[in-house]
Amino acid sequence: MQQSGGGSVIAMTYYGAEKVVAGYNVMGVAKASLEASVRYLAADSGPAASASTHLCRTGEHAGCPRIRGFTDMLKHHAERAPLRRNVELREVGDTALFLASPMSSGITGEVLHVDCGYCIMGI
């Protein structure tokens, strides 16, 4: 990226990197490490790379044996998120497109929550 004059790094993370999510286990630690790595990449790369992560829940993980109760988690999310629904894959793609475009030139090392507002809610 430094030789070509710039670029973008986009990684997908999850709420379990910030808060304890029952059944998410070691993946929470892995996602927290990913988020920290993105921040350090952004700081070390300077203007050569815009590194961002975004959070989402996608239907492709439904029934995944590594995440027990995932379907229940989706239901819980939709009931409590301000938009009263789960995020759509199109919305994740739109966010990635924005982050990879010149329109996000002032963003680096950030976590954008694409979660219908779930992360802003308290208990």
C-alpha atoms as a PDB file:
ATOM      1  CA  MET A   1       0.000   0.000   0.000  1.00  0.00           C
ATOM      2  CA  GLN A   2       2.830   2.391   0.698  1.00  0.00           C
ATOM      3  CA  GLN A   3       4.297   1.888  -2.776  1.00  0.00           C
ATOM      4  CA  SER A   4       0.935   2.404  -4.482  1.00  0.00           C
ATOM      5  CA  GLY A   5       0.162   5.555  -2.514  1.00  0.00           C
ATOM      6  CA  GLY A   6      -2.552   4.224  -0.246  1.00  0.00           C
ATOM      7  CA  GLY A   7      -5.301   1.728   0.297  1.00  0.00           C
ATOM      8  CA  SER A   8      -7.845   0.449   2.750  1.00  0.00           C
ATOM      9  CA  VAL A   9      -7.983  -2.416   5.209  1.00  0.00           C
ATOM     10  CA  ILE A  10     -11.437  -3.462   6.342  1.00  0.00           C
ATOM     11  CA  ALA A  11     -11.977  -6.149   8.970  1.00  0.00           C
ATOM     12  CA  MET A  12     -15.181  -7.506  10.462  1.00  0.00           C
ATOM     13  CA  THR A  13     -15.515  -7.695  14.212  1.00  0.00           C
ATOM     14  CA  TYR A  14     -18.283  -8.303  16.720  1.00  0.00           C
ATOM     15  CA  TYR A  15     -19.773  -6.800  19.888  1.00  0.00           C
ATOM     16  CA  GLY A  16     -18.163  -9.680  21.820  1.00  0.00           C
ATOM     17  CA  ALA A  17     -14.833  -7.870  21.448  1.00  0.00           C
ATOM     18  CA  GLU A  18     -16.107  -5.116  23.781  1.00  0.00           C
ATOM     19  CA  LYS A  19     -18.580  -6.905  26.046  1.00  0.00           C
ATOM     20  CA  VAL A  20     -18.914 -10.441  27.375  1.00  0.00           C
ATOM     21  CA  VAL A  21     -21.346 -12.405  25.205  1.00  0.00           C
ATOM     22  CA  ALA A  22     -22.410 -15.782  26.610  1.00  0.00           C
ATOM     23  CA  GLY A  23     -21.153 -18.648  24.467  1.00  0.00           C
ATOM     24  CA  TYR A  24     -18.808 -16.488  22.369  1.00  0.00           C
ATOM     25  CA  ASN A  25     -15.814 -17.570  24.475  1.00  0.00           C
ATOM     26  CA  VAL A  26     -12.343 -17.281  22.908  1.00  0.00           C
ATOM     27  CA  MET A  27     -13.729 -15.550  19.811  1.00  0.00           C
ATOM     28  CA  GLY A  28     -14.290 -12.452  21.957  1.00  0.00           C
ATOM     29  CA  VAL A  29     -10.585 -12.405  22.765  1.00  0.00           C
ATOM     30  CA  ALA A  30      -9.726 -12.945  19.089  1.00  0.00           C
ATOM     31  CA  LYS A  31     -11.990 -10.078  17.974  1.00  0.00           C
ATOM     32  CA  ALA A  32     -10.584  -7.761  20.663  1.00  0.00           C
ATOM     33  CA  SER A  33      -7.110  -8.600  19.357  1.00  0.00           C
ATOM     34  CA  LEU A  34      -8.256  -7.864  15.803  1.00  0.00           C
ATOM     35  CA  GLU A  35      -9.579  -4.447  16.834  1.00  0.00           C
ATOM     36  CA  ALA A  36      -6.311  -3.596  18.610  1.00  0.00           C
ATOM     37  CA  SER A  37      -4.312  -4.775  15.589  1.00  0.00           C
ATOM     38  CA  VAL A  38      -6.334  -2.499  13.311  1.00  0.00           C
ATOM     39  CA  ARG A  39      -5.631   0.498  15.555  1.00  0.00           C
ATOM     40  CA  TYR A  40      -1.893  -0.235  15.556  1.00  0.00           C
ATOM     41  CA  LEU A  41      -1.905  -0.804  11.783  1.00  0.00           C
ATOM     42  CA  ALA A  42      -3.608   2.558  11.308  1.00  0.00           C
ATOM     43  CA  ALA A  43      -1.072   4.310  13.564  1.00  0.00           C
ATOM     44  CA  ASP A  44       1.960   2.607  11.990  1.00  0.00           C
ATOM     45  CA  SER A  45       0.798   3.049   8.383  1.00  0.00           C
ATOM     46  CA  GLY A  46      -0.058   6.718   8.661  1.00  0.00           C
ATOM     47  CA  PRO A  47      -1.548   8.061   5.430  1.00  0.00           C
ATOM     48  CA  ALA A  48      -0.723   4.864   3.515  1.00  0.00           C
ATOM     49  CA  ALA A  49      -3.705   2.937   4.823  1.00  0.00           C
ATOM     50  CA  SER A  50      -7.098   3.630   6.270  1.00  0.00           C
ATOM     51  CA  ALA A  51      -7.853   0.770   8.632  1.00  0.00           C
ATOM     52  CA  SER A  52     -11.355   0.315   9.965  1.00  0.00           C
ATOM     53  CA  THR A  53     -13.418  -2.441  11.455  1.00  0.00           C
ATOM     54  CA  HIS A  54     -17.149  -2.772  11.476  1.00  0.00           C
ATOM     55  CA  LEU A  55     -19.484  -4.881  13.485  1.00  0.00           C
ATOM     56  CA  CYS A  56     -22.384  -6.894  12.187  1.00  0.00           C
ATOM     57  CA  ARG A  57     -24.416  -9.999  12.653  1.00  0.00           C
ATOM     58  CA  THR A  58     -24.946 -11.937   9.459  1.00  0.00           C
ATOM     59  CA  GLY A  59     -27.334 -14.738   8.626  1.00  0.00           C
ATOM     60  CA  GLU A  60     -24.467 -16.908   7.438  1.00  0.00           C
ATOM     61  CA  HIS A  61     -23.589 -17.661  11.069  1.00  0.00           C
ATOM     62  CA  ALA A  62     -27.060 -18.906  12.015  1.00  0.00           C
ATOM     63  CA  GLY A  63     -26.806 -22.353  13.515  1.00  0.00           C
ATOM     64  CA  CYS A  64     -23.031 -22.160  13.744  1.00  0.00           C
ATOM     65  CA  PRO A  65     -21.983 -24.749  16.373  1.00  0.00           C
ATOM     66  CA  ARG A  66     -19.260 -22.445  17.691  1.00  0.00           C
ATOM     67  CA  ILE A  67     -21.848 -19.857  18.722  1.00  0.00           C
ATOM     68  CA  ARG A  68     -24.478 -21.578  20.805  1.00  0.00           C
ATOM     69  CA  GLY A  69     -27.850 -19.850  20.823  1.00  0.00           C
ATOM     70  CA  PHE A  70     -27.068 -17.646  17.831  1.00  0.00           C
ATOM     71  CA  THR A  71     -30.684 -17.654  16.643  1.00  0.00           C
ATOM     72  CA  ASP A  72     -31.782 -16.500  20.105  1.00  0.00           C
ATOM     73  CA  MET A  73     -29.123 -13.777  19.969  1.00  0.00           C
ATOM     74  CA  LEU A  74     -30.534 -12.506  16.674  1.00  0.00           C
ATOM     75  CA  LYS A  75     -34.023 -12.376  18.167  1.00  0.00           C
ATOM     76  CA  HIS A  76     -32.742 -10.552  21.264  1.00  0.00           C
ATOM     77  CA  HIS A  77     -30.887  -8.067  19.051  1.00  0.00           C
ATOM     78  CA  ALA A  78     -33.925  -7.309  16.881  1.00  0.00           C
ATOM     79  CA  GLU A  79     -36.102  -6.758  19.952  1.00  0.00           C
ATOM     80  CA  ARG A  80     -33.695  -4.302  21.594  1.00  0.00           C
ATOM     81  CA  ALA A  81     -32.031  -2.442  18.715  1.00  0.00           C
ATOM     82  CA  PRO A  82     -33.533   1.012  18.121  1.00  0.00           C
ATOM     83  CA  LEU A  83     -34.346   0.057  14.511  1.00  0.00           C
ATOM     84  CA  ARG A  84     -36.132  -3.098  15.833  1.00  0.00           C
ATOM     85  CA  ARG A  85     -34.485  -5.402  13.317  1.00  0.00           C
ATOM     86  CA  ASN A  86     -31.225  -7.124  12.441  1.00  0.00           C
ATOM     87  CA  VAL A  87     -28.733  -5.617  10.051  1.00  0.00           C
ATOM     88  CA  GLU A  88     -28.954  -6.726   6.425  1.00  0.00           C
ATOM     89  CA  LEU A  89     -25.963  -7.971   4.433  1.00  0.00           C
ATOM     90  CA  ARG A  90     -26.539  -5.134   1.950  1.00  0.00           C
ATOM     91  CA  GLU A  91     -25.967  -2.641   4.760  1.00  0.00           C
ATOM     92  CA  VAL A  92     -22.667  -4.285   5.644  1.00  0.00           C
ATOM     93  CA  GLY A  93     -21.625  -4.157   1.995  1.00  0.00           C
ATOM     94  CA  ASP A  94     -22.658  -0.508   1.722  1.00  0.00           C
ATOM     95  CA  THR A  95     -20.529   0.319   4.762  1.00  0.00           C
ATOM     96  CA  ALA A  96     -17.527  -1.532   3.325  1.00  0.00           C
ATOM     97  CA  LEU A  97     -17.979   0.322   0.029  1.00  0.00           C
ATOM     98  CA  PHE A  98     -18.048   3.642   1.884  1.00  0.00           C
ATOM     99  CA  LEU A  99     -14.916   2.744   3.894  1.00  0.00           C
ATOM    100  CA  ALA A 100     -13.045   1.763   0.725  1.00  0.00           C
ATOM    101  CA  SER A 101     -14.069   4.958  -1.062  1.00  0.00           C
ATOM    102  CA  PRO A 102     -12.536   8.460  -0.949  1.00  0.00           C
ATOM    103  CA  MET A 103     -15.611   9.559   1.055  1.00  0.00           C
ATOM    104  CA  SER A 104     -14.061   8.002   4.176  1.00  0.00           C
ATOM    105  CA  SER A 105     -10.648   9.643   3.752  1.00  0.00           C
ATOM    106  CA  GLY A 106     -10.794  11.155   7.252  1.00  0.00           C
ATOM    107  CA  ILE A 107     -11.518   7.845   9.012  1.00  0.00           C
ATOM    108  CA  THR A 108      -8.815   5.480  10.244  1.00  0.00           C
ATOM    109  CA  GLY A 109      -8.473   2.948  13.041  1.00  0.00           C
ATOM    110  CA  GLU A 110     -12.148   3.162  13.952  1.00  0.00           C
ATOM    111  CA  VAL A 111     -14.814   0.616  14.773  1.00  0.00           C
ATOM    112  CA  LEU A 112     -18.054   1.443  12.997  1.00  0.00           C
ATOM    113  CA  HIS A 113     -21.016  -0.388  14.468  1.00  0.00           C
ATOM    114  CA  VAL A 114     -23.357  -1.561  11.721  1.00  0.00           C
ATOM    115  CA  ASP A 115     -25.893  -3.069  14.095  1.00  0.00           C
ATOM    116  CA  CYS A 116     -29.160  -1.133  13.803  1.00  0.00           C
ATOM    117  CA  GLY A 117     -28.170   0.816  16.904  1.00  0.00           C
ATOM    118  CA  TYR A 118     -27.890  -2.166  19.275  1.00  0.00           C
ATOM    119  CA  CYS A 119     -24.569  -1.008  20.772  1.00  0.00           C
ATOM    120  CA  ILE A 120     -26.025   2.309  22.005  1.00  0.00           C
ATOM    121  CA  MET A 121     -28.541   0.631  24.284  1.00  0.00           C
ATOM    122  CA  GLY A 122     -28.041   0.087  27.999  1.00  0.00           C
ATOM    123  CA  ILE A 123     -29.593  -2.683  30.057  1.00  0.00           C
END
